[in-house]
Structures are given as structure tokens and as C-alpha cells.
Amino acid sequence: MEKININGNRYYEKDGKRYPSVTSILKYYPKGPGFYTWLSSVTKEEAERIRDTAGEQGNNVHNAIEAYLRNEEIDYDKLTSKESELIVVFLDWYKELLDNHKVEIIALELPVLNIFNGYAGTVDMVLKIDDVYWIVDIKTSNYVQASHKLQLSAYKHSNWFGDKTVYGSPIPKMGIIHLKSKKFIEVEDCFDVFLAVFKIFKFETKNLNI
């Protein structure tokens, strides 16, 4: 699927149709009073700098982990010390997983699509752990947020997984490896809440020429 940006939102295009991305939809999920209190305490420029720095860190860490899982070398010289620390957390977690379980990598950076509800996204990893399929998301944020759980629930309920169709849908298990807290967190399904946010997204964007 091809990725395109329209009016600040990301869409995936497949067979002539455009599907909003899960992450763009979840921008419409309420961030809570704590976020807006913090936002009012910094300048717009500072908030944008922090956002961009966090985004770059997340991308660099994800790319390095993907390279490792594809049996490629990680170029630590191109990474900051903090990024390297987060990657080591993942490597330690993954080694322990391999030591204690039977693990098979089914897919990395897998595009997914829910044809019936009309959204798309990209899954970090699909793993088969002791004969059970898991969607696993890697997070470098300071905290695991509610929107992260909605993101995984949306992926779980996709019904097109590229060429990876052997495990069916929905995938039974979901988890987040949160690198800053060094924790793996199993996520419960909250697809109904995601769909509620999706309704808000569609209401807010219905007059856009998409």
C-alpha cells in the first residue's frame, strides 16, 4: 500500500481507495488535562522541538531494531547514547524471550487493512510465541498511553495482512514492549473505543476533499 499525506493526516492507498491510518485517527483521542497543562507551560516552538526530537528518536530506534531482527548490523555510530540504551533494552528482552520460549518472527513492519471499517496501518512485529500469535508494538515514549492500546486493538481487528494470511484474524494476543520502563505489557482488546474515536475522526474530516 502507498502512503500519502492529506491535510496533516496519513492515508494508505490500495486498489484506488484511500484508508486513513490508525495513528492519524488516534490523534483525535483526548490527551487528557495533564497534557494540556504541560502544553501551556512551554512555548509552541519548544513543544514542537520536543515532539520532533521524540519522533526522530522513535524512528531511529525502530529502524535499528528492525535491522537487527532482519539479521543486519546496527550502526551504533549513527545513534545517540539514549537511542543505543533503548535498543539494548529491546535486545535484552528479546534474548530472554528466545531463552524461555519458542519464537518465530512472522512479519516486520507489516501493512494491515480493515476493509469493512475502512482504516489501515503498519504493525511493528507479528511474532509466534509458543504457537500463539502476537501483535507486538515497540514504544519509546515516556509512558504507555491509552491510545497505544487502541492502536493495537485496531491492528488486531484488521482483516487484510498483506501476504501473511496463515494465522487468520483477529490475532489472539497483543503486547507492548515499553523500552523506557523495560516492561512488556499485554494489552486487552478495546476495539469499541477505537471505533468511537474513528467516528470523531470521520466527523471532523468529512468536509475534506479526500
N, C-alpha and C. Protein backbone atom coordinates (compact mmCIF):
# COMPACT_ATOMS: atom_id res chain seq x y z
N MET A 1 0.83 -1.19 0.00
CA MET A 1 0.00 0.00 0.00
C MET A 1 0.87 1.25 0.00
N GLU A 2 0.45 2.25 -0.75
CA GLU A 2 1.18 3.51 -0.83
C GLU A 2 0.70 4.45 0.27
N LYS A 3 1.64 5.16 0.90
CA LYS A 3 1.30 6.11 1.94
C LYS A 3 1.25 7.52 1.35
N ILE A 4 0.21 8.27 1.68
CA ILE A 4 0.10 9.66 1.24
C ILE A 4 -0.36 10.51 2.42
N ASN A 5 -0.02 11.80 2.38
CA ASN A 5 -0.44 12.74 3.43
C ASN A 5 -1.41 13.76 2.85
N ILE A 6 -2.53 13.95 3.53
CA ILE A 6 -3.55 14.89 3.10
C ILE A 6 -3.99 15.69 4.31
N ASN A 7 -3.83 17.02 4.23
CA ASN A 7 -4.29 17.91 5.31
C ASN A 7 -3.78 17.47 6.69
N GLY A 8 -2.53 17.05 6.74
CA GLY A 8 -1.92 16.68 8.01
C GLY A 8 -2.23 15.28 8.49
N ASN A 9 -3.00 14.53 7.74
CA ASN A 9 -3.31 13.15 8.11
C ASN A 9 -2.71 12.19 7.08
N ARG A 10 -2.34 11.00 7.56
CA ARG A 10 -1.77 9.98 6.67
C ARG A 10 -2.86 9.03 6.21
N TYR A 11 -2.78 8.68 4.92
CA TYR A 11 -3.69 7.72 4.34
C TYR A 11 -2.89 6.64 3.61
N TYR A 12 -3.47 5.46 3.55
CA TYR A 12 -2.92 4.37 2.75
C TYR A 12 -3.82 4.19 1.52
N GLU A 13 -3.21 4.01 0.39
CA GLU A 13 -3.97 3.83 -0.84
C GLU A 13 -3.80 2.41 -1.36
N LYS A 14 -4.92 1.75 -1.62
CA LYS A 14 -4.91 0.38 -2.14
C LYS A 14 -6.09 0.21 -3.09
N ASP A 15 -5.79 -0.28 -4.29
CA ASP A 15 -6.82 -0.56 -5.30
C ASP A 15 -7.70 0.65 -5.55
N GLY A 16 -7.08 1.83 -5.58
CA GLY A 16 -7.81 3.05 -5.89
C GLY A 16 -8.59 3.65 -4.74
N LYS A 17 -8.53 3.06 -3.56
CA LYS A 17 -9.24 3.57 -2.40
C LYS A 17 -8.24 4.07 -1.36
N ARG A 18 -8.65 5.08 -0.60
CA ARG A 18 -7.80 5.65 0.44
C ARG A 18 -8.37 5.32 1.82
N TYR A 19 -7.47 4.88 2.70
CA TYR A 19 -7.85 4.49 4.05
C TYR A 19 -7.03 5.30 5.04
N PRO A 20 -7.67 6.00 6.00
CA PRO A 20 -6.90 6.75 6.99
C PRO A 20 -6.08 5.82 7.87
N SER A 21 -4.90 6.30 8.27
CA SER A 21 -4.04 5.48 9.12
C SER A 21 -4.56 5.48 10.55
N VAL A 22 -4.27 4.40 11.25
CA VAL A 22 -4.67 4.27 12.65
C VAL A 22 -4.08 5.40 13.49
N THR A 23 -2.82 5.74 13.25
CA THR A 23 -2.18 6.77 14.06
C THR A 23 -2.80 8.14 13.80
N SER A 24 -3.21 8.42 12.57
CA SER A 24 -3.89 9.69 12.28
C SER A 24 -5.26 9.73 12.95
N ILE A 25 -5.97 8.63 12.92
CA ILE A 25 -7.27 8.56 13.59
C ILE A 25 -7.11 8.85 15.07
N LEU A 26 -6.07 8.27 15.68
CA LEU A 26 -5.90 8.38 17.13
C LEU A 26 -5.39 9.75 17.59
N LYS A 27 -5.04 10.62 16.65
CA LYS A 27 -4.74 12.00 17.03
C LYS A 27 -5.98 12.68 17.59
N TYR A 28 -7.15 12.12 17.30
CA TYR A 28 -8.40 12.70 17.77
C TYR A 28 -8.84 12.13 19.12
N TYR A 29 -8.03 11.24 19.69
CA TYR A 29 -8.31 10.72 21.03
C TYR A 29 -7.92 11.78 22.06
N PRO A 30 -8.75 12.07 23.06
CA PRO A 30 -8.41 13.10 24.05
C PRO A 30 -7.09 12.78 24.77
N LYS A 31 -6.25 13.78 24.88
CA LYS A 31 -4.94 13.58 25.52
C LYS A 31 -4.98 13.76 27.03
N GLY A 32 -6.04 14.31 27.55
CA GLY A 32 -6.17 14.44 29.00
C GLY A 32 -5.66 15.78 29.50
N PRO A 33 -6.08 16.18 30.71
CA PRO A 33 -5.72 17.50 31.25
C PRO A 33 -4.23 17.67 31.51
N GLY A 34 -3.54 16.57 31.85
CA GLY A 34 -2.12 16.68 32.13
C GLY A 34 -1.33 17.17 30.93
N PHE A 35 -1.71 16.68 29.75
CA PHE A 35 -1.01 17.09 28.53
C PHE A 35 -1.20 18.57 28.28
N TYR A 36 -2.43 19.05 28.44
CA TYR A 36 -2.70 20.46 28.13
C TYR A 36 -2.10 21.38 29.19
N THR A 37 -1.98 20.90 30.42
CA THR A 37 -1.28 21.68 31.44
C THR A 37 0.18 21.83 31.06
N TRP A 38 0.80 20.72 30.64
CA TRP A 38 2.20 20.78 30.19
C TRP A 38 2.34 21.68 28.98
N LEU A 39 1.41 21.56 28.02
CA LEU A 39 1.49 22.33 26.78
C LEU A 39 1.44 23.82 27.05
N SER A 40 0.65 24.21 28.06
CA SER A 40 0.54 25.63 28.38
C SER A 40 1.78 26.17 29.10
N SER A 41 2.64 25.25 29.55
CA SER A 41 3.83 25.67 30.31
C SER A 41 5.05 25.88 29.42
N VAL A 42 4.95 25.52 28.14
CA VAL A 42 6.08 25.68 27.22
C VAL A 42 5.64 26.49 26.02
N THR A 43 6.62 27.02 25.30
CA THR A 43 6.29 27.76 24.08
C THR A 43 5.94 26.79 22.96
N LYS A 44 5.29 27.30 21.95
CA LYS A 44 4.94 26.48 20.79
C LYS A 44 6.19 25.88 20.15
N GLU A 45 7.23 26.71 20.06
CA GLU A 45 8.48 26.25 19.45
C GLU A 45 9.12 25.12 20.26
N GLU A 46 9.08 25.25 21.60
CA GLU A 46 9.65 24.22 22.46
C GLU A 46 8.86 22.92 22.36
N ALA A 47 7.53 23.04 22.34
CA ALA A 47 6.68 21.85 22.20
C ALA A 47 6.95 21.14 20.89
N GLU A 48 7.12 21.89 19.81
CA GLU A 48 7.40 21.29 18.50
C GLU A 48 8.77 20.65 18.48
N ARG A 49 9.74 21.28 19.16
CA ARG A 49 11.09 20.70 19.21
C ARG A 49 11.09 19.37 19.96
N ILE A 50 10.38 19.34 21.10
CA ILE A 50 10.30 18.11 21.88
C ILE A 50 9.59 17.01 21.08
N ARG A 51 8.51 17.38 20.40
CA ARG A 51 7.78 16.41 19.57
C ARG A 51 8.67 15.85 18.46
N ASP A 52 9.40 16.74 17.79
CA ASP A 52 10.22 16.30 16.67
C ASP A 52 11.40 15.44 17.15
N THR A 53 11.98 15.81 18.30
CA THR A 53 13.09 15.03 18.85
C THR A 53 12.62 13.63 19.24
N ALA A 54 11.45 13.56 19.89
CA ALA A 54 10.91 12.26 20.28
C ALA A 54 10.59 11.42 19.06
N GLY A 55 10.04 12.05 18.02
CA GLY A 55 9.72 11.33 16.80
C GLY A 55 10.96 10.78 16.12
N GLU A 56 12.01 11.58 16.07
CA GLU A 56 13.26 11.13 15.46
C GLU A 56 13.87 9.98 16.26
N GLN A 57 13.84 10.10 17.58
CA GLN A 57 14.36 9.04 18.43
C GLN A 57 13.59 7.75 18.20
N GLY A 58 12.28 7.84 18.16
CA GLY A 58 11.46 6.65 17.92
C GLY A 58 11.76 6.00 16.59
N ASN A 59 11.89 6.81 15.54
CA ASN A 59 12.20 6.26 14.22
C ASN A 59 13.55 5.58 14.19
N ASN A 60 14.55 6.22 14.79
CA ASN A 60 15.90 5.64 14.78
C ASN A 60 15.94 4.31 15.53
N VAL A 61 15.27 4.26 16.67
CA VAL A 61 15.25 3.03 17.47
C VAL A 61 14.50 1.93 16.71
N HIS A 62 13.35 2.25 16.15
CA HIS A 62 12.59 1.26 15.39
C HIS A 62 13.40 0.72 14.21
N ASN A 63 14.06 1.61 13.48
CA ASN A 63 14.82 1.18 12.31
C ASN A 63 15.98 0.26 12.71
N ALA A 64 16.64 0.60 13.82
CA ALA A 64 17.76 -0.22 14.27
C ALA A 64 17.28 -1.60 14.72
N ILE A 65 16.18 -1.66 15.45
CA ILE A 65 15.63 -2.94 15.90
C ILE A 65 15.19 -3.79 14.71
N GLU A 66 14.54 -3.14 13.74
CA GLU A 66 14.13 -3.89 12.55
C GLU A 66 15.35 -4.47 11.83
N ALA A 67 16.42 -3.67 11.73
CA ALA A 67 17.65 -4.16 11.09
C ALA A 67 18.19 -5.39 11.83
N TYR A 68 18.20 -5.31 13.16
CA TYR A 68 18.69 -6.45 13.96
C TYR A 68 17.85 -7.70 13.70
N LEU A 69 16.54 -7.54 13.70
CA LEU A 69 15.66 -8.70 13.52
C LEU A 69 15.73 -9.26 12.10
N ARG A 70 16.23 -8.46 11.17
CA ARG A 70 16.45 -8.94 9.80
C ARG A 70 17.88 -9.43 9.61
N ASN A 71 18.58 -9.63 10.74
CA ASN A 71 19.97 -10.13 10.73
C ASN A 71 20.94 -9.17 10.04
N GLU A 72 20.67 -7.88 10.20
CA GLU A 72 21.57 -6.86 9.69
C GLU A 72 22.30 -6.20 10.86
N GLU A 73 23.40 -5.52 10.55
CA GLU A 73 24.19 -4.86 11.59
C GLU A 73 23.53 -3.55 12.02
N ILE A 74 23.59 -3.27 13.31
CA ILE A 74 23.15 -1.98 13.83
C ILE A 74 24.35 -1.03 13.83
N ASP A 75 24.21 0.12 13.20
CA ASP A 75 25.28 1.11 13.17
C ASP A 75 25.11 2.05 14.37
N TYR A 76 25.73 1.67 15.48
CA TYR A 76 25.57 2.46 16.70
C TYR A 76 26.21 3.85 16.59
N ASP A 77 27.15 4.02 15.64
CA ASP A 77 27.80 5.32 15.48
C ASP A 77 26.82 6.40 15.03
N LYS A 78 25.73 5.99 14.42
CA LYS A 78 24.73 6.94 13.94
C LYS A 78 23.63 7.21 14.96
N LEU A 79 23.75 6.60 16.13
CA LEU A 79 22.71 6.71 17.14
C LEU A 79 23.19 7.53 18.33
N THR A 80 22.28 8.17 19.02
CA THR A 80 22.62 8.85 20.26
C THR A 80 22.79 7.81 21.37
N SER A 81 23.37 8.25 22.47
CA SER A 81 23.57 7.33 23.59
C SER A 81 22.23 6.83 24.13
N LYS A 82 21.24 7.73 24.17
CA LYS A 82 19.92 7.32 24.66
C LYS A 82 19.27 6.31 23.74
N GLU A 83 19.40 6.52 22.44
CA GLU A 83 18.85 5.57 21.48
C GLU A 83 19.51 4.21 21.62
N SER A 84 20.83 4.21 21.82
CA SER A 84 21.55 2.96 22.00
C SER A 84 21.09 2.24 23.26
N GLU A 85 20.85 2.99 24.33
CA GLU A 85 20.37 2.39 25.58
C GLU A 85 19.02 1.71 25.38
N LEU A 86 18.13 2.37 24.64
CA LEU A 86 16.80 1.80 24.41
C LEU A 86 16.88 0.54 23.55
N ILE A 87 17.77 0.53 22.60
CA ILE A 87 17.95 -0.66 21.76
C ILE A 87 18.46 -1.82 22.59
N VAL A 88 19.38 -1.56 23.49
CA VAL A 88 19.89 -2.61 24.37
C VAL A 88 18.78 -3.19 25.23
N VAL A 89 17.86 -2.34 25.69
CA VAL A 89 16.71 -2.84 26.46
C VAL A 89 15.93 -3.84 25.62
N PHE A 90 15.68 -3.49 24.36
CA PHE A 90 14.96 -4.42 23.49
C PHE A 90 15.75 -5.71 23.29
N LEU A 91 17.04 -5.61 23.04
CA LEU A 91 17.85 -6.80 22.80
C LEU A 91 17.85 -7.73 24.02
N ASP A 92 17.90 -7.15 25.21
CA ASP A 92 17.86 -7.95 26.43
C ASP A 92 16.51 -8.67 26.55
N TRP A 93 15.43 -7.92 26.27
CA TRP A 93 14.09 -8.53 26.34
C TRP A 93 13.96 -9.65 25.32
N TYR A 94 14.43 -9.41 24.12
CA TYR A 94 14.27 -10.40 23.05
C TYR A 94 15.11 -11.64 23.32
N LYS A 95 16.31 -11.45 23.86
CA LYS A 95 17.15 -12.60 24.19
C LYS A 95 16.48 -13.46 25.27
N GLU A 96 15.93 -12.80 26.29
CA GLU A 96 15.23 -13.55 27.34
C GLU A 96 14.02 -14.29 26.77
N LEU A 97 13.32 -13.66 25.84
CA LEU A 97 12.18 -14.30 25.18
C LEU A 97 12.63 -15.55 24.45
N LEU A 98 13.73 -15.45 23.71
CA LEU A 98 14.24 -16.61 22.97
C LEU A 98 14.72 -17.71 23.90
N ASP A 99 15.27 -17.32 25.05
CA ASP A 99 15.79 -18.31 26.01
C ASP A 99 14.67 -19.12 26.67
N ASN A 100 13.48 -18.53 26.75
CA ASN A 100 12.41 -19.16 27.53
C ASN A 100 11.21 -19.62 26.71
N HIS A 101 11.20 -19.28 25.42
CA HIS A 101 10.05 -19.62 24.59
C HIS A 101 10.50 -20.00 23.19
N LYS A 102 9.60 -20.68 22.51
CA LYS A 102 9.78 -20.93 21.08
C LYS A 102 9.23 -19.73 20.34
N VAL A 103 10.09 -19.03 19.58
CA VAL A 103 9.71 -17.76 18.95
C VAL A 103 9.96 -17.83 17.45
N GLU A 104 8.97 -17.38 16.70
CA GLU A 104 9.11 -17.27 15.24
C GLU A 104 8.66 -15.87 14.83
N ILE A 105 9.49 -15.19 14.05
CA ILE A 105 9.10 -13.89 13.51
C ILE A 105 8.25 -14.12 12.27
N ILE A 106 6.99 -13.72 12.34
CA ILE A 106 6.07 -13.89 11.22
C ILE A 106 6.19 -12.72 10.25
N ALA A 107 6.29 -11.51 10.78
CA ALA A 107 6.36 -10.33 9.92
C ALA A 107 6.93 -9.15 10.68
N LEU A 108 7.58 -8.25 9.94
CA LEU A 108 8.07 -6.99 10.48
C LEU A 108 7.54 -5.86 9.61
N GLU A 109 7.16 -4.77 10.24
CA GLU A 109 6.62 -3.61 9.52
C GLU A 109 5.57 -4.06 8.51
N LEU A 110 4.57 -4.74 9.02
CA LEU A 110 3.54 -5.36 8.18
C LEU A 110 2.36 -4.41 7.94
N PRO A 111 2.08 -4.05 6.68
CA PRO A 111 0.89 -3.23 6.41
C PRO A 111 -0.38 -4.04 6.63
N VAL A 112 -1.35 -3.42 7.30
CA VAL A 112 -2.61 -4.11 7.58
C VAL A 112 -3.77 -3.18 7.19
N LEU A 113 -4.92 -3.79 6.96
CA LEU A 113 -6.07 -3.05 6.48
C LEU A 113 -7.35 -3.67 7.02
N ASN A 114 -8.24 -2.83 7.50
CA ASN A 114 -9.60 -3.27 7.82
C ASN A 114 -10.50 -2.76 6.71
N ILE A 115 -10.86 -3.66 5.81
CA ILE A 115 -11.62 -3.28 4.63
C ILE A 115 -13.03 -2.85 5.00
N PHE A 116 -13.64 -3.52 5.98
CA PHE A 116 -15.03 -3.27 6.33
C PHE A 116 -15.21 -1.95 7.07
N ASN A 117 -14.30 -1.65 8.01
CA ASN A 117 -14.40 -0.40 8.76
C ASN A 117 -13.69 0.75 8.06
N GLY A 118 -12.70 0.43 7.23
CA GLY A 118 -12.08 1.45 6.41
C GLY A 118 -10.91 2.19 7.01
N TYR A 119 -9.93 1.47 7.53
CA TYR A 119 -8.71 2.10 8.03
C TYR A 119 -7.53 1.16 7.77
N ALA A 120 -6.31 1.69 7.92
CA ALA A 120 -5.11 0.90 7.65
C ALA A 120 -4.00 1.33 8.59
N GLY A 121 -2.92 0.55 8.60
CA GLY A 121 -1.78 0.87 9.45
C GLY A 121 -0.62 -0.05 9.18
N THR A 122 0.40 0.06 10.02
CA THR A 122 1.59 -0.77 9.89
C THR A 122 1.95 -1.33 11.26
N VAL A 123 2.02 -2.64 11.36
CA VAL A 123 2.34 -3.34 12.60
C VAL A 123 3.85 -3.49 12.74
N ASP A 124 4.39 -3.18 13.92
CA ASP A 124 5.83 -3.33 14.13
C ASP A 124 6.27 -4.79 13.94
N MET A 125 5.62 -5.70 14.65
CA MET A 125 6.01 -7.11 14.61
C MET A 125 4.80 -8.00 14.78
N VAL A 126 4.80 -9.11 14.07
CA VAL A 126 3.92 -10.22 14.41
C VAL A 126 4.83 -11.38 14.77
N LEU A 127 4.69 -11.86 16.00
CA LEU A 127 5.50 -12.97 16.50
C LEU A 127 4.62 -14.17 16.80
N LYS A 128 5.18 -15.34 16.61
CA LYS A 128 4.53 -16.57 17.06
C LYS A 128 5.32 -17.07 18.25
N ILE A 129 4.71 -16.99 19.44
CA ILE A 129 5.38 -17.36 20.68
C ILE A 129 4.67 -18.57 21.26
N ASP A 130 5.38 -19.68 21.31
CA ASP A 130 4.80 -20.93 21.81
C ASP A 130 3.47 -21.23 21.12
N ASP A 131 3.48 -21.11 19.80
CA ASP A 131 2.31 -21.44 18.96
C ASP A 131 1.15 -20.48 19.09
N VAL A 132 1.36 -19.34 19.74
CA VAL A 132 0.32 -18.31 19.84
C VAL A 132 0.81 -17.06 19.10
N TYR A 133 -0.04 -16.49 18.26
CA TYR A 133 0.32 -15.30 17.50
C TYR A 133 0.12 -14.05 18.34
N TRP A 134 1.09 -13.15 18.24
CA TRP A 134 1.06 -11.88 18.96
C TRP A 134 1.34 -10.73 18.00
N ILE A 135 0.58 -9.64 18.15
CA ILE A 135 0.99 -8.35 17.61
C ILE A 135 1.82 -7.67 18.70
N VAL A 136 3.03 -7.26 18.36
CA VAL A 136 3.90 -6.62 19.33
C VAL A 136 4.31 -5.24 18.81
N ASP A 137 4.10 -4.23 19.63
CA ASP A 137 4.44 -2.87 19.27
C ASP A 137 5.58 -2.38 20.15
N ILE A 138 6.51 -1.65 19.56
CA ILE A 138 7.66 -1.11 20.29
C ILE A 138 7.39 0.36 20.59
N LYS A 139 7.48 0.75 21.85
CA LYS A 139 7.23 2.13 22.23
C LYS A 139 8.44 2.73 22.93
N THR A 140 8.80 3.96 22.50
CA THR A 140 9.91 4.69 23.12
C THR A 140 9.41 5.90 23.90
N SER A 141 8.11 6.04 24.03
CA SER A 141 7.52 7.17 24.75
C SER A 141 7.81 7.07 26.24
N ASN A 142 7.59 8.18 26.94
CA ASN A 142 7.83 8.17 28.39
C ASN A 142 6.84 7.27 29.12
N TYR A 143 5.62 7.18 28.59
CA TYR A 143 4.58 6.39 29.24
C TYR A 143 3.81 5.59 28.19
N VAL A 144 3.23 4.49 28.62
CA VAL A 144 2.27 3.77 27.77
C VAL A 144 0.94 4.50 27.89
N GLN A 145 0.45 4.96 26.78
CA GLN A 145 -0.77 5.76 26.75
C GLN A 145 -1.97 4.92 26.32
N ALA A 146 -3.15 5.39 26.67
CA ALA A 146 -4.37 4.68 26.28
C ALA A 146 -4.46 4.54 24.77
N SER A 147 -4.02 5.56 24.04
CA SER A 147 -4.09 5.50 22.58
C SER A 147 -3.23 4.38 22.01
N HIS A 148 -2.16 4.02 22.72
CA HIS A 148 -1.32 2.90 22.26
C HIS A 148 -2.11 1.60 22.27
N LYS A 149 -2.94 1.43 23.29
CA LYS A 149 -3.74 0.22 23.40
C LYS A 149 -4.83 0.19 22.31
N LEU A 150 -5.40 1.36 22.02
CA LEU A 150 -6.37 1.44 20.94
C LEU A 150 -5.72 1.13 19.59
N GLN A 151 -4.49 1.58 19.43
CA GLN A 151 -3.75 1.32 18.20
C GLN A 151 -3.61 -0.18 17.95
N LEU A 152 -3.21 -0.91 18.97
CA LEU A 152 -3.05 -2.36 18.83
C LEU A 152 -4.39 -3.04 18.60
N SER A 153 -5.43 -2.56 19.25
CA SER A 153 -6.75 -3.15 19.05
C SER A 153 -7.20 -2.98 17.60
N ALA A 154 -6.92 -1.82 17.03
CA ALA A 154 -7.26 -1.60 15.61
C ALA A 154 -6.50 -2.57 14.72
N TYR A 155 -5.22 -2.76 14.99
CA TYR A 155 -4.43 -3.72 14.20
C TYR A 155 -4.98 -5.14 14.35
N LYS A 156 -5.33 -5.49 15.56
CA LYS A 156 -5.84 -6.83 15.83
C LYS A 156 -7.06 -7.16 14.98
N HIS A 157 -7.90 -6.16 14.75
CA HIS A 157 -9.15 -6.38 14.03
C HIS A 157 -9.03 -6.10 12.54
N SER A 158 -7.82 -5.97 12.04
CA SER A 158 -7.63 -5.87 10.60
C SER A 158 -8.03 -7.20 9.95
N ASN A 159 -8.42 -7.13 8.70
CA ASN A 159 -8.79 -8.37 8.00
C ASN A 159 -8.01 -8.57 6.71
N TRP A 160 -6.98 -7.74 6.50
CA TRP A 160 -6.04 -7.95 5.40
C TRP A 160 -4.64 -7.72 5.95
N PHE A 161 -3.79 -8.72 5.84
CA PHE A 161 -2.44 -8.67 6.41
C PHE A 161 -1.39 -8.89 5.33
N GLY A 162 -1.53 -8.19 4.21
CA GLY A 162 -0.57 -8.39 3.13
C GLY A 162 -0.61 -9.83 2.68
N ASP A 163 0.54 -10.46 2.59
CA ASP A 163 0.60 -11.87 2.19
C ASP A 163 0.67 -12.80 3.39
N LYS A 164 0.50 -12.23 4.61
CA LYS A 164 0.60 -13.04 5.82
C LYS A 164 -0.81 -13.43 6.27
N THR A 165 -1.35 -14.47 5.68
CA THR A 165 -2.74 -14.83 5.95
C THR A 165 -2.86 -16.17 6.68
N VAL A 166 -1.74 -16.75 7.09
CA VAL A 166 -1.79 -18.11 7.64
C VAL A 166 -2.44 -18.16 9.02
N TYR A 167 -2.48 -17.04 9.74
CA TYR A 167 -2.94 -17.09 11.12
C TYR A 167 -4.35 -16.55 11.29
N GLY A 168 -4.93 -16.06 10.22
CA GLY A 168 -6.31 -15.59 10.33
C GLY A 168 -6.44 -14.29 11.10
N SER A 169 -7.67 -13.93 11.40
CA SER A 169 -7.95 -12.67 12.08
C SER A 169 -9.18 -12.88 12.97
N PRO A 170 -9.24 -12.27 14.17
CA PRO A 170 -8.19 -11.43 14.74
C PRO A 170 -7.06 -12.25 15.37
N ILE A 171 -5.90 -11.63 15.44
CA ILE A 171 -4.76 -12.26 16.11
C ILE A 171 -5.06 -12.32 17.61
N PRO A 172 -4.80 -13.45 18.26
CA PRO A 172 -5.25 -13.63 19.65
C PRO A 172 -4.67 -12.65 20.68
N LYS A 173 -3.37 -12.35 20.56
CA LYS A 173 -2.71 -11.63 21.65
C LYS A 173 -2.06 -10.33 21.14
N MET A 174 -1.97 -9.37 22.07
CA MET A 174 -1.33 -8.08 21.76
C MET A 174 -0.43 -7.69 22.92
N GLY A 175 0.71 -7.09 22.60
CA GLY A 175 1.60 -6.65 23.66
C GLY A 175 2.44 -5.46 23.24
N ILE A 176 2.87 -4.67 24.23
CA ILE A 176 3.75 -3.53 24.01
C ILE A 176 5.04 -3.78 24.76
N ILE A 177 6.17 -3.65 24.06
CA ILE A 177 7.45 -3.64 24.74
C ILE A 177 7.81 -2.16 24.93
N HIS A 178 7.67 -1.71 26.19
CA HIS A 178 7.89 -0.30 26.52
C HIS A 178 9.32 -0.15 27.00
N LEU A 179 10.14 0.45 26.15
CA LEU A 179 11.58 0.41 26.37
C LEU A 179 12.03 1.26 27.55
N LYS A 180 11.38 2.38 27.80
CA LYS A 180 11.84 3.25 28.89
C LYS A 180 11.55 2.68 30.26
N SER A 181 10.50 1.89 30.38
CA SER A 181 10.21 1.25 31.67
C SER A 181 10.74 -0.18 31.72
N LYS A 182 11.28 -0.66 30.59
CA LYS A 182 11.82 -2.02 30.48
C LYS A 182 10.76 -3.08 30.81
N LYS A 183 9.55 -2.83 30.33
CA LYS A 183 8.44 -3.74 30.62
C LYS A 183 7.75 -4.20 29.34
N PHE A 184 7.29 -5.45 29.38
CA PHE A 184 6.41 -5.96 28.34
C PHE A 184 5.00 -6.01 28.91
N ILE A 185 4.07 -5.35 28.24
CA ILE A 185 2.72 -5.18 28.77
C ILE A 185 1.74 -5.83 27.81
N GLU A 186 1.00 -6.83 28.30
CA GLU A 186 -0.06 -7.41 27.49
C GLU A 186 -1.24 -6.45 27.46
N VAL A 187 -1.84 -6.30 26.29
CA VAL A 187 -2.90 -5.32 26.07
C VAL A 187 -4.23 -6.02 25.86
N GLU A 188 -5.25 -5.54 26.55
CA GLU A 188 -6.59 -6.06 26.36
C GLU A 188 -7.26 -5.37 25.17
N ASP A 189 -8.17 -6.07 24.54
CA ASP A 189 -8.85 -5.55 23.37
C ASP A 189 -9.82 -4.43 23.76
N CYS A 190 -9.71 -3.29 23.08
CA CYS A 190 -10.64 -2.18 23.31
C CYS A 190 -11.04 -1.58 21.96
N PHE A 191 -11.42 -2.46 21.06
CA PHE A 191 -11.75 -2.07 19.69
C PHE A 191 -12.96 -1.14 19.66
N ASP A 192 -13.89 -1.33 20.58
CA ASP A 192 -15.09 -0.49 20.59
C ASP A 192 -14.72 0.97 20.85
N VAL A 193 -13.71 1.20 21.68
CA VAL A 193 -13.28 2.57 21.95
C VAL A 193 -12.59 3.16 20.71
N PHE A 194 -11.78 2.34 20.05
CA PHE A 194 -11.15 2.81 18.81
C PHE A 194 -12.21 3.24 17.80
N LEU A 195 -13.25 2.44 17.64
CA LEU A 195 -14.29 2.77 16.68
C LEU A 195 -14.99 4.08 17.05
N ALA A 196 -15.12 4.36 18.35
CA ALA A 196 -15.72 5.63 18.79
C ALA A 196 -14.84 6.81 18.36
N VAL A 197 -13.52 6.64 18.53
CA VAL A 197 -12.60 7.70 18.09
C VAL A 197 -12.64 7.85 16.57
N PHE A 198 -12.77 6.73 15.88
CA PHE A 198 -12.85 6.77 14.42
C PHE A 198 -14.07 7.57 13.96
N LYS A 199 -15.17 7.47 14.70
CA LYS A 199 -16.36 8.26 14.38
C LYS A 199 -16.06 9.76 14.49
N ILE A 200 -15.31 10.13 15.52
CA ILE A 200 -14.93 11.54 15.68
C ILE A 200 -14.04 11.97 14.52
N PHE A 201 -13.08 11.13 14.16
CA PHE A 201 -12.20 11.44 13.03
C PHE A 201 -13.01 11.69 11.76
N LYS A 202 -13.94 10.80 11.48
CA LYS A 202 -14.74 10.94 10.25
C LYS A 202 -15.61 12.19 10.29
N PHE A 203 -16.13 12.51 11.47
CA PHE A 203 -16.94 13.73 11.61
C PHE A 203 -16.09 14.97 11.36
N GLU A 204 -14.89 14.99 11.92
CA GLU A 204 -14.01 16.17 11.79
C GLU A 204 -13.45 16.33 10.38
N THR A 205 -13.34 15.24 9.63
CA THR A 205 -12.71 15.31 8.30
C THR A 205 -13.70 15.13 7.16
N LYS A 206 -14.99 15.07 7.46
CA LYS A 206 -15.97 14.71 6.43
C LYS A 206 -16.07 15.74 5.31
N ASN A 207 -15.72 16.99 5.58
CA ASN A 207 -15.83 18.02 4.56
C ASN A 207 -14.53 18.22 3.77
N LEU A 208 -13.51 17.39 4.07
CA LEU A 208 -12.26 17.49 3.34
C LEU A 208 -12.38 16.72 2.03
N ASN A 209 -11.70 17.19 1.02
CA ASN A 209 -11.74 16.57 -0.29
C ASN A 209 -10.72 15.43 -0.33
N ILE A 210 -11.16 14.24 0.08
CA ILE A 210 -10.25 13.09 0.19
C ILE A 210 -10.68 12.02 -0.81
